[in-house]
Structures are given as structure tokens and as C-alpha cells.
């Protein structure tokens, strides 16, 4: 029996046949956004640990303490921006009727 005569093998499916073009980008964007949120949370946690270590090893030096406070503040703002983008995408999803997230 030759390979061309085998009838039980299904042809490979394409992602573009099952999804609409807009749904493809919405699904891709939602996956990227959820990945970014988890990476941002992990990055914030690591920066918080590093800032805590820097704070403990600053030995009371005012300039190093200010730098640590700036690091914590900047990482917190970054985390808030990423989480706010998630909620903004949910609002856009409701307004436009798309299935993004």
C-alpha cells in the first residue's frame, strides 16, 4: 500500500480556516497581554526583592535609600500600567463587542 492511498490521514488544519482574521489577532493579542501581565508580576517581585536587599545594605546612606525608593516606585508604576492595560482591554472588548480576552 502506497502512502498516497492511505485515507485515514487527515490533512493538517490551518489556523486561518477556523478563525476569522480579526479573531486571530484578538486571540494573539490576548495571549501576549496575559503573558506580559505574568512577566510584569514576576519582574516586580524580583525588583522588590532586589530593592529590599539594597535597602538593607545601604547602611543608612540617604542617597542610596532614595534610589531604592525610586526603584520600588518605578517598578510599582510599571506593574500598575500593565494591569491597567488588561482592564482597559476588557472595557474595549465590551464596547466593541470583540472577544479579545
PDB file of N, CA and C in Angstrom:
ATOM      1  N   UNK A   1       0.847  -1.170   0.000  1.00  0.00           N
ATOM      2  CA  UNK A   1       0.000   0.000   0.000  1.00  0.00           C
ATOM      3  C   UNK A   1       0.895   1.236   0.000  1.00  0.00           C
ATOM      4  N   UNK A   2       0.652   2.118  -0.923  1.00  0.00           N
ATOM      5  CA  UNK A   2       1.444   3.327  -1.028  1.00  0.00           C
ATOM      6  C   UNK A   2       0.844   4.409  -0.139  1.00  0.00           C
ATOM      7  N   UNK A   3       1.663   5.394   0.222  1.00  0.00           N
ATOM      8  CA  UNK A   3       1.239   6.457   1.128  1.00  0.00           C
ATOM      9  C   UNK A   3       0.095   7.283   0.545  1.00  0.00           C
ATOM     10  N   UNK A   4       0.058   7.465  -0.752  1.00  0.00           N
ATOM     11  CA  UNK A   4      -0.993   8.258  -1.373  1.00  0.00           C
ATOM     12  C   UNK A   4      -2.343   7.562  -1.293  1.00  0.00           C
ATOM     13  N   UNK A   5      -2.371   6.259  -1.035  1.00  0.00           N
ATOM     14  CA  UNK A   5      -3.619   5.520  -0.978  1.00  0.00           C
ATOM     15  C   UNK A   5      -4.200   5.453   0.435  1.00  0.00           C
ATOM     16  N   UNK A   6      -3.460   5.929   1.427  1.00  0.00           N
ATOM     17  CA  UNK A   6      -3.942   5.897   2.808  1.00  0.00           C
ATOM     18  C   UNK A   6      -5.009   6.974   2.964  1.00  0.00           C
ATOM     19  N   UNK A   7      -6.185   6.582   3.443  1.00  0.00           N
ATOM     20  CA  UNK A   7      -7.304   7.523   3.547  1.00  0.00           C
ATOM     21  C   UNK A   7      -7.595   7.947   4.982  1.00  0.00           C
ATOM     22  N   UNK A   8      -6.924   7.378   5.965  1.00  0.00           N
ATOM     23  CA  UNK A   8      -7.236   7.717   7.353  1.00  0.00           C
ATOM     24  C   UNK A   8      -6.450   8.930   7.855  1.00  0.00           C
ATOM     25  N   UNK A   9      -5.530   9.438   7.068  1.00  0.00           N
ATOM     26  CA  UNK A   9      -4.738  10.592   7.478  1.00  0.00           C
ATOM     27  C   UNK A   9      -5.496  11.856   7.101  1.00  0.00           C
ATOM     28  N   UNK A  10      -5.770  12.689   8.088  1.00  0.00           N
ATOM     29  CA  UNK A  10      -6.468  13.947   7.844  1.00  0.00           C
ATOM     30  C   UNK A  10      -5.469  15.016   7.426  1.00  0.00           C
ATOM     31  N   UNK A  11      -5.867  15.919   6.556  1.00  0.00           N
ATOM     32  CA  UNK A  11      -4.943  16.989   6.174  1.00  0.00           C
ATOM     33  C   UNK A  11      -4.724  17.932   7.349  1.00  0.00           C
ATOM     34  N   UNK A  12      -3.575  18.551   7.410  1.00  0.00           N
ATOM     35  CA  UNK A  12      -3.326  19.480   8.525  1.00  0.00           C
ATOM     36  C   UNK A  12      -4.289  20.652   8.466  1.00  0.00           C
ATOM     37  N   UNK A  13      -4.775  21.025   9.624  1.00  0.00           N
ATOM     38  CA  UNK A  13      -5.705  22.149   9.669  1.00  0.00           C
ATOM     39  C   UNK A  13      -4.924  23.450   9.744  1.00  0.00           C
ATOM     40  N   UNK A  14      -5.518  24.486   9.261  1.00  0.00           N
ATOM     41  CA  UNK A  14      -4.888  25.794   9.293  1.00  0.00           C
ATOM     42  C   UNK A  14      -5.618  26.674  10.285  1.00  0.00           C
ATOM     43  N   UNK A  15      -4.886  27.498  10.972  1.00  0.00           N
ATOM     44  CA  UNK A  15      -5.495  28.398  11.950  1.00  0.00           C
ATOM     45  C   UNK A  15      -6.384  29.430  11.264  1.00  0.00           C
ATOM     46  N   UNK A  16      -6.086  29.740  10.010  1.00  0.00           N
ATOM     47  CA  UNK A  16      -6.867  30.746   9.306  1.00  0.00           C
ATOM     48  C   UNK A  16      -8.190  30.195   8.791  1.00  0.00           C
ATOM     49  N   UNK A  17      -8.339  28.875   8.729  1.00  0.00           N
ATOM     50  CA  UNK A  17      -9.606  28.299   8.293  1.00  0.00           C
ATOM     51  C   UNK A  17     -10.633  28.284   9.413  1.00  0.00           C
ATOM     52  N   UNK A  18     -10.170  28.176  10.651  1.00  0.00           N
ATOM     53  CA  UNK A  18     -11.101  28.033  11.765  1.00  0.00           C
ATOM     54  C   UNK A  18     -11.438  29.363  12.424  1.00  0.00           C
ATOM     55  N   UNK A  19     -10.602  30.353  12.303  1.00  0.00           N
ATOM     56  CA  UNK A  19     -10.839  31.638  12.951  1.00  0.00           C
ATOM     57  C   UNK A  19     -11.032  32.712  11.903  1.00  0.00           C
ATOM     58  N   UNK A  20     -11.770  33.699  12.285  1.00  0.00           N
ATOM     59  CA  UNK A  20     -11.819  34.884  11.457  1.00  0.00           C
ATOM     60  C   UNK A  20     -10.513  35.637  11.597  1.00  0.00           C
ATOM     61  N   UNK A  21     -10.211  36.460  10.633  1.00  0.00           N
ATOM     62  CA  UNK A  21      -8.942  37.181  10.660  1.00  0.00           C
ATOM     63  C   UNK A  21      -8.859  38.090  11.883  1.00  0.00           C
ATOM     64  N   UNK A  22      -9.968  38.761  12.244  1.00  0.00           N
ATOM     65  CA  UNK A  22      -9.985  39.638  13.423  1.00  0.00           C
ATOM     66  C   UNK A  22      -9.860  38.821  14.699  1.00  0.00           C
ATOM     67  N   UNK A  23     -10.464  37.652  14.735  1.00  0.00           N
ATOM     68  CA  UNK A  23     -10.357  36.803  15.918  1.00  0.00           C
ATOM     69  C   UNK A  23      -8.938  36.294  16.113  1.00  0.00           C
ATOM     70  N   UNK A  24      -8.230  36.067  15.025  1.00  0.00           N
ATOM     71  CA  UNK A  24      -6.845  35.609  15.133  1.00  0.00           C
ATOM     72  C   UNK A  24      -5.998  36.644  15.857  1.00  0.00           C
ATOM     73  N   UNK A  25      -6.116  37.907  15.440  1.00  0.00           N
ATOM     74  CA  UNK A  25      -5.315  38.950  16.083  1.00  0.00           C
ATOM     75  C   UNK A  25      -5.796  39.225  17.500  1.00  0.00           C
ATOM     76  N   UNK A  26      -7.093  39.093  17.747  1.00  0.00           N
ATOM     77  CA  UNK A  26      -7.604  39.279  19.102  1.00  0.00           C
ATOM     78  C   UNK A  26      -7.080  38.189  20.020  1.00  0.00           C
ATOM     79  N   UNK A  27      -7.066  36.953  19.549  1.00  0.00           N
ATOM     80  CA  UNK A  27      -6.550  35.851  20.358  1.00  0.00           C
ATOM     81  C   UNK A  27      -5.051  35.997  20.576  1.00  0.00           C
ATOM     82  N   UNK A  28      -4.344  36.367  19.533  1.00  0.00           N
ATOM     83  CA  UNK A  28      -2.898  36.569  19.658  1.00  0.00           C
ATOM     84  C   UNK A  28      -2.586  37.691  20.644  1.00  0.00           C
ATOM     85  N   UNK A  29      -3.311  38.798  20.540  1.00  0.00           N
ATOM     86  CA  UNK A  29      -3.076  39.927  21.436  1.00  0.00           C
ATOM     87  C   UNK A  29      -3.429  39.577  22.871  1.00  0.00           C
ATOM     88  N   UNK A  30      -4.493  38.818  23.077  1.00  0.00           N
ATOM     89  CA  UNK A  30      -4.869  38.455  24.445  1.00  0.00           C
ATOM     90  C   UNK A  30      -3.827  37.537  25.069  1.00  0.00           C
ATOM     91  N   UNK A  31      -3.280  36.626  24.287  1.00  0.00           N
ATOM     92  CA  UNK A  31      -2.241  35.749  24.823  1.00  0.00           C
ATOM     93  C   UNK A  31      -0.985  36.538  25.157  1.00  0.00           C
ATOM     94  N   UNK A  32      -0.629  37.480  24.298  1.00  0.00           N
ATOM     95  CA  UNK A  32       0.552  38.307  24.562  1.00  0.00           C
ATOM     96  C   UNK A  32       0.323  39.163  25.800  1.00  0.00           C
ATOM     97  N   UNK A  33      -0.887  39.714  25.948  1.00  0.00           N
ATOM     98  CA  UNK A  33      -1.194  40.560  27.094  1.00  0.00           C
ATOM     99  C   UNK A  33      -1.165  39.769  28.398  1.00  0.00           C
ATOM    100  N   UNK A  34      -1.728  38.572  28.402  1.00  0.00           N
ATOM    101  CA  UNK A  34      -1.692  37.756  29.617  1.00  0.00           C
ATOM    102  C   UNK A  34      -0.266  37.333  29.954  1.00  0.00           C
ATOM    103  N   UNK A  35       0.532  37.049  28.946  1.00  0.00           N
ATOM    104  CA  UNK A  35       1.939  36.726  29.171  1.00  0.00           C
ATOM    105  C   UNK A  35       2.678  37.937  29.739  1.00  0.00           C
ATOM    106  N   UNK A  36       2.380  39.125  29.225  1.00  0.00           N
ATOM    107  CA  UNK A  36       3.034  40.346  29.701  1.00  0.00           C
ATOM    108  C   UNK A  36       2.663  40.631  31.153  1.00  0.00           C
ATOM    109  N   UNK A  37       1.418  40.363  31.521  1.00  0.00           N
ATOM    110  CA  UNK A  37       0.998  40.594  32.902  1.00  0.00           C
ATOM    111  C   UNK A  37       1.741  39.655  33.849  1.00  0.00           C
ATOM    112  N   UNK A  38       1.876  38.398  33.471  1.00  0.00           N
ATOM    113  CA  UNK A  38       2.583  37.467  34.352  1.00  0.00           C
ATOM    114  C   UNK A  38       4.077  37.803  34.437  1.00  0.00           C
ATOM    115  N   UNK A  39       4.674  38.205  33.324  1.00  0.00           N
ATOM    116  CA  UNK A  39       6.085  38.609  33.337  1.00  0.00           C
ATOM    117  C   UNK A  39       6.265  39.882  34.163  1.00  0.00           C
ATOM    118  N   UNK A  40       5.312  40.825  34.058  1.00  0.00           N
ATOM    119  CA  UNK A  40       5.405  42.056  34.834  1.00  0.00           C
ATOM    120  C   UNK A  40       5.300  41.769  36.332  1.00  0.00           C
ATOM    121  N   UNK A  41       4.433  40.846  36.706  1.00  0.00           N
ATOM    122  CA  UNK A  41       4.332  40.467  38.116  1.00  0.00           C
ATOM    123  C   UNK A  41       5.602  39.834  38.629  1.00  0.00           C
ATOM    124  N   UNK A  42       6.190  38.963  37.830  1.00  0.00           N
ATOM    125  CA  UNK A  42       7.444  38.336  38.218  1.00  0.00           C
ATOM    126  C   UNK A  42       8.570  39.363  38.293  1.00  0.00           C
ATOM    127  N   UNK A  43       8.610  40.278  37.311  1.00  0.00           N
ATOM    128  CA  UNK A  43       9.632  41.319  37.302  1.00  0.00           C
ATOM    129  C   UNK A  43       9.485  42.233  38.526  1.00  0.00           C
ATOM    130  N   UNK A  44       8.240  42.604  38.871  1.00  0.00           N
ATOM    131  CA  UNK A  44       8.003  43.435  40.048  1.00  0.00           C
ATOM    132  C   UNK A  44       8.483  42.727  41.312  1.00  0.00           C
ATOM    133  N   UNK A  45       8.195  41.431  41.424  1.00  0.00           N
ATOM    134  CA  UNK A  45       8.606  40.686  42.607  1.00  0.00           C
ATOM    135  C   UNK A  45      10.125  40.633  42.728  1.00  0.00           C
ATOM    136  N   UNK A  46      10.809  40.384  41.613  1.00  0.00           N
ATOM    137  CA  UNK A  46      12.277  40.328  41.632  1.00  0.00           C
ATOM    138  C   UNK A  46      12.853  41.700  41.977  1.00  0.00           C
ATOM    139  N   UNK A  47      12.301  42.770  41.369  1.00  0.00           N
ATOM    140  CA  UNK A  47      12.787  44.118  41.676  1.00  0.00           C
ATOM    141  C   UNK A  47      12.518  44.474  43.132  1.00  0.00           C
ATOM    142  N   UNK A  48      11.405  44.018  43.685  1.00  0.00           N
ATOM    143  CA  UNK A  48      11.099  44.281  45.090  1.00  0.00           C
ATOM    144  C   UNK A  48      12.100  43.572  45.997  1.00  0.00           C
ATOM    145  N   UNK A  49      12.443  42.338  45.678  1.00  0.00           N
ATOM    146  CA  UNK A  49      13.451  41.620  46.465  1.00  0.00           C
ATOM    147  C   UNK A  49      14.816  42.290  46.363  1.00  0.00           C
ATOM    148  N   UNK A  50      15.195  42.686  45.155  1.00  0.00           N
ATOM    149  CA  UNK A  50      16.495  43.351  44.980  1.00  0.00           C
ATOM    150  C   UNK A  50      16.522  44.706  45.683  1.00  0.00           C
ATOM    151  N   UNK A  51      15.410  45.423  45.650  1.00  0.00           N
ATOM    152  CA  UNK A  51      15.344  46.709  46.333  1.00  0.00           C
ATOM    153  C   UNK A  51      15.407  46.525  47.848  1.00  0.00           C
ATOM    154  N   UNK A  52      14.769  45.488  48.348  1.00  0.00           N
ATOM    155  CA  UNK A  52      14.839  45.196  49.783  1.00  0.00           C
ATOM    156  C   UNK A  52      16.252  44.878  50.218  1.00  0.00           C
ATOM    157  N   UNK A  53      16.955  44.116  49.395  1.00  0.00           N
ATOM    158  CA  UNK A  53      18.350  43.815  49.713  1.00  0.00           C
ATOM    159  C   UNK A  53      19.199  45.088  49.650  1.00  0.00           C
ATOM    160  N   UNK A  54      18.965  45.925  48.653  1.00  0.00           N
ATOM    161  CA  UNK A  54      19.708  47.188  48.541  1.00  0.00           C
ATOM    162  C   UNK A  54      19.404  48.101  49.722  1.00  0.00           C
ATOM    163  N   UNK A  55      18.156  48.098  50.168  1.00  0.00           N
ATOM    164  CA  UNK A  55      17.780  48.922  51.316  1.00  0.00           C
ATOM    165  C   UNK A  55      18.484  48.445  52.578  1.00  0.00           C
ATOM    166  N   UNK A  56      18.540  47.131  52.766  1.00  0.00           N
ATOM    167  CA  UNK A  56      19.198  46.609  53.957  1.00  0.00           C
ATOM    168  C   UNK A  56      20.707  46.835  53.923  1.00  0.00           C
ATOM    169  N   UNK A  57      21.275  46.854  52.729  1.00  0.00           N
ATOM    170  CA  UNK A  57      22.725  47.036  52.645  1.00  0.00           C
ATOM    171  C   UNK A  57      23.129  48.492  52.406  1.00  0.00           C
ATOM    172  N   UNK A  58      22.178  49.421  52.503  1.00  0.00           N
ATOM    173  CA  UNK A  58      22.503  50.833  52.257  1.00  0.00           C
ATOM    174  C   UNK A  58      23.228  51.480  53.433  1.00  0.00           C
ATOM    175  N   UNK A  59      23.151  50.894  54.598  1.00  0.00           N
ATOM    176  CA  UNK A  59      23.844  51.370  55.802  1.00  0.00           C
ATOM    177  C   UNK A  59      23.457  52.798  56.171  1.00  0.00           C
ATOM    178  N   UNK A  60      22.217  53.171  55.902  1.00  0.00           N
ATOM    179  CA  UNK A  60      21.736  54.482  56.288  1.00  0.00           C
ATOM    180  C   UNK A  60      22.130  55.611  55.363  1.00  0.00           C
ATOM    181  N   UNK A  61      22.723  55.314  54.234  1.00  0.00           N
ATOM    182  CA  UNK A  61      23.118  56.341  53.272  1.00  0.00           C
ATOM    183  C   UNK A  61      21.863  56.884  52.584  1.00  0.00           C
ATOM    184  N   UNK A  62      21.644  58.190  52.738  1.00  0.00           N
ATOM    185  CA  UNK A  62      20.409  58.807  52.247  1.00  0.00           C
ATOM    186  C   UNK A  62      20.250  58.699  50.728  1.00  0.00           C
ATOM    187  N   UNK A  63      21.331  58.866  49.977  1.00  0.00           N
ATOM    188  CA  UNK A  63      21.222  58.814  48.517  1.00  0.00           C
ATOM    189  C   UNK A  63      20.876  57.403  48.037  1.00  0.00           C
ATOM    190  N   UNK A  64      21.429  56.392  48.682  1.00  0.00           N
ATOM    191  CA  UNK A  64      21.104  55.012  48.297  1.00  0.00           C
ATOM    192  C   UNK A  64      19.674  54.667  48.676  1.00  0.00           C
ATOM    193  N   UNK A  65      19.199  55.193  49.802  1.00  0.00           N
ATOM    194  CA  UNK A  65      17.818  54.940  50.214  1.00  0.00           C
ATOM    195  C   UNK A  65      16.852  55.600  49.236  1.00  0.00           C
ATOM    196  N   UNK A  66      17.167  56.826  48.783  1.00  0.00           N
ATOM    197  CA  UNK A  66      16.321  57.491  47.785  1.00  0.00           C
ATOM    198  C   UNK A  66      16.291  56.710  46.472  1.00  0.00           C
ATOM    199  N   UNK A  67      17.440  56.171  46.077  1.00  0.00           N
ATOM    200  CA  UNK A  67      17.494  55.364  44.854  1.00  0.00           C
ATOM    201  C   UNK A  67      16.645  54.099  44.975  1.00  0.00           C
ATOM    202  N   UNK A  68      16.677  53.475  46.143  1.00  0.00           N
ATOM    203  CA  UNK A  68      15.861  52.285  46.374  1.00  0.00           C
ATOM    204  C   UNK A  68      14.378  52.643  46.320  1.00  0.00           C
ATOM    205  N   UNK A  69      14.010  53.767  46.919  1.00  0.00           N
ATOM    206  CA  UNK A  69      12.612  54.192  46.876  1.00  0.00           C
ATOM    207  C   UNK A  69      12.159  54.485  45.456  1.00  0.00           C
ATOM    208  N   UNK A  70      13.043  55.071  44.652  1.00  0.00           N
ATOM    209  CA  UNK A  70      12.716  55.324  43.245  1.00  0.00           C
ATOM    210  C   UNK A  70      12.530  54.017  42.475  1.00  0.00           C
ATOM    211  N   UNK A  71      13.378  53.027  42.754  1.00  0.00           N
ATOM    212  CA  UNK A  71      13.265  51.730  42.092  1.00  0.00           C
ATOM    213  C   UNK A  71      11.935  51.061  42.412  1.00  0.00           C
ATOM    214  N   UNK A  72      11.556  51.081  43.678  1.00  0.00           N
ATOM    215  CA  UNK A  72      10.291  50.462  44.081  1.00  0.00           C
ATOM    216  C   UNK A  72       9.116  51.205  43.451  1.00  0.00           C
ATOM    217  N   UNK A  73       9.172  52.532  43.460  1.00  0.00           N
ATOM    218  CA  UNK A  73       8.095  53.319  42.879  1.00  0.00           C
ATOM    219  C   UNK A  73       7.975  53.081  41.380  1.00  0.00           C
ATOM    220  N   UNK A  74       9.088  53.070  40.670  1.00  0.00           N
ATOM    221  CA  UNK A  74       9.049  52.846  39.229  1.00  0.00           C
ATOM    222  C   UNK A  74       8.559  51.449  38.874  1.00  0.00           C
ATOM    223  N   UNK A  75       8.976  50.444  39.610  1.00  0.00           N
ATOM    224  CA  UNK A  75       8.505  49.095  39.318  1.00  0.00           C
ATOM    225  C   UNK A  75       7.021  48.950  39.645  1.00  0.00           C
ATOM    226  N   UNK A  76       6.556  49.621  40.695  1.00  0.00           N
ATOM    227  CA  UNK A  76       5.134  49.583  41.025  1.00  0.00           C
ATOM    228  C   UNK A  76       4.303  50.281  39.952  1.00  0.00           C
ATOM    229  N   UNK A  77       4.778  51.415  39.449  1.00  0.00           N
ATOM    230  CA  UNK A  77       4.067  52.092  38.367  1.00  0.00           C
ATOM    231  C   UNK A  77       4.025  51.238  37.110  1.00  0.00           C
ATOM    232  N   UNK A  78       5.101  50.548  36.804  1.00  0.00           N
ATOM    233  CA  UNK A  78       5.119  49.658  35.646  1.00  0.00           C
ATOM    234  C   UNK A  78       4.115  48.535  35.788  1.00  0.00           C
ATOM    235  N   UNK A  79       4.029  47.953  36.978  1.00  0.00           N
ATOM    236  CA  UNK A  79       3.053  46.897  37.222  1.00  0.00           C
ATOM    237  C   UNK A  79       1.638  47.439  37.099  1.00  0.00           C
ATOM    238  N   UNK A  80       1.391  48.624  37.627  1.00  0.00           N
ATOM    239  CA  UNK A  80       0.059  49.217  37.529  1.00  0.00           C
ATOM    240  C   UNK A  80      -0.323  49.529  36.086  1.00  0.00           C
ATOM    241  N   UNK A  81       0.632  49.951  35.275  1.00  0.00           N
ATOM    242  CA  UNK A  81       0.345  50.234  33.868  1.00  0.00           C
ATOM    243  C   UNK A  81      -0.053  48.959  33.135  1.00  0.00           C
ATOM    244  N   UNK A  82       0.655  47.877  33.403  1.00  0.00           N
ATOM    245  CA  UNK A  82       0.340  46.622  32.719  1.00  0.00           C
ATOM    246  C   UNK A  82      -1.020  46.089  33.173  1.00  0.00           C
ATOM    247  N   UNK A  83      -1.316  46.144  34.457  1.00  0.00           N
ATOM    248  CA  UNK A  83      -2.610  45.679  34.955  1.00  0.00           C
ATOM    249  C   UNK A  83      -3.732  46.587  34.448  1.00  0.00           C
ATOM    250  N   UNK A  84      -3.481  47.892  34.379  1.00  0.00           N
ATOM    251  CA  UNK A  84      -4.485  48.813  33.852  1.00  0.00           C
ATOM    252  C   UNK A  84      -4.745  48.544  32.369  1.00  0.00           C
ATOM    253  N   UNK A  85      -3.719  48.129  31.638  1.00  0.00           N
ATOM    254  CA  UNK A  85      -3.939  47.801  30.225  1.00  0.00           C
ATOM    255  C   UNK A  85      -4.838  46.582  30.091  1.00  0.00           C
ATOM    256  N   UNK A  86      -4.746  45.641  31.021  1.00  0.00           N
ATOM    257  CA  UNK A  86      -5.638  44.482  30.999  1.00  0.00           C
ATOM    258  C   UNK A  86      -7.091  44.920  31.193  1.00  0.00           C
ATOM    259  N   UNK A  87      -7.325  45.791  32.166  1.00  0.00           N
ATOM    260  CA  UNK A  87      -8.678  46.254  32.399  1.00  0.00           C
ATOM    261  C   UNK A  87      -9.177  47.145  31.258  1.00  0.00           C
ATOM    262  N   UNK A  88      -8.290  47.922  30.671  1.00  0.00           N
ATOM    263  CA  UNK A  88      -8.654  48.733  29.515  1.00  0.00           C
ATOM    264  C   UNK A  88      -9.060  47.850  28.340  1.00  0.00           C
ATOM    265  N   UNK A  89      -8.366  46.748  28.152  1.00  0.00           N
ATOM    266  CA  UNK A  89      -8.736  45.823  27.077  1.00  0.00           C
ATOM    267  C   UNK A  89     -10.090  45.183  27.344  1.00  0.00           C
ATOM    268  N   UNK A  90     -10.426  44.945  28.599  1.00  0.00           N
ATOM    269  CA  UNK A  90     -11.755  44.422  28.912  1.00  0.00           C
ATOM    270  C   UNK A  90     -12.833  45.446  28.584  1.00  0.00           C
ATOM    271  N   UNK A  91     -12.571  46.717  28.847  1.00  0.00           N
ATOM    272  CA  UNK A  91     -13.538  47.772  28.518  1.00  0.00           C
ATOM    273  C   UNK A  91     -13.703  47.881  27.012  1.00  0.00           C
ATOM    274  N   UNK A  92     -12.590  47.860  26.281  1.00  0.00           N
ATOM    275  CA  UNK A  92     -12.658  47.928  24.818  1.00  0.00           C
ATOM    276  C   UNK A  92     -13.401  46.715  24.267  1.00  0.00           C
ATOM    277  N   UNK A  93     -13.202  45.558  24.887  1.00  0.00           N
ATOM    278  CA  UNK A  93     -13.889  44.352  24.472  1.00  0.00           C
ATOM    279  C   UNK A  93     -15.405  44.506  24.603  1.00  0.00           C
ATOM    280  N   UNK A  94     -15.849  45.082  25.704  1.00  0.00           N
ATOM    281  CA  UNK A  94     -17.292  45.279  25.908  1.00  0.00           C
ATOM    282  C   UNK A  94     -17.859  46.316  24.974  1.00  0.00           C
ATOM    283  N   UNK A  95     -17.125  47.397  24.725  1.00  0.00           N
ATOM    284  CA  UNK A  95     -17.635  48.463  23.871  1.00  0.00           C
ATOM    285  C   UNK A  95     -17.733  48.001  22.420  1.00  0.00           C
ATOM    286  N   UNK A  96     -16.684  47.354  21.907  1.00  0.00           N
ATOM    287  CA  UNK A  96     -16.659  46.951  20.508  1.00  0.00           C
ATOM    288  C   UNK A  96     -17.289  45.590  20.249  1.00  0.00           C
ATOM    289  N   UNK A  97     -17.577  44.831  21.293  1.00  0.00           N
ATOM    290  CA  UNK A  97     -18.192  43.523  21.134  1.00  0.00           C
ATOM    291  C   UNK A  97     -17.237  42.467  20.612  1.00  0.00           C
ATOM    292  N   UNK A  98     -15.938  42.663  20.785  1.00  0.00           N
ATOM    293  CA  UNK A  98     -14.950  41.689  20.345  1.00  0.00           C
ATOM    294  C   UNK A  98     -14.660  40.688  21.451  1.00  0.00           C
ATOM    295  N   UNK A  99     -14.034  39.608  21.079  1.00  0.00           N
ATOM    296  CA  UNK A  99     -13.605  38.616  22.058  1.00  0.00           C
ATOM    297  C   UNK A  99     -12.088  38.661  22.131  1.00  0.00           C
ATOM    298  N   UNK A 100     -11.575  39.598  22.907  1.00  0.00           N
ATOM    299  CA  UNK A 100     -10.122  39.802  22.982  1.00  0.00           C
ATOM    300  C   UNK A 100      -9.529  38.980  24.125  1.00  0.00           C
ATOM    301  N   UNK A 101     -10.113  39.061  25.313  1.00  0.00           N
ATOM    302  CA  UNK A 101      -9.535  38.383  26.471  1.00  0.00           C
ATOM    303  C   UNK A 101     -10.328  37.160  26.823  1.00  0.00           C
TER     304      UNK A 101
END
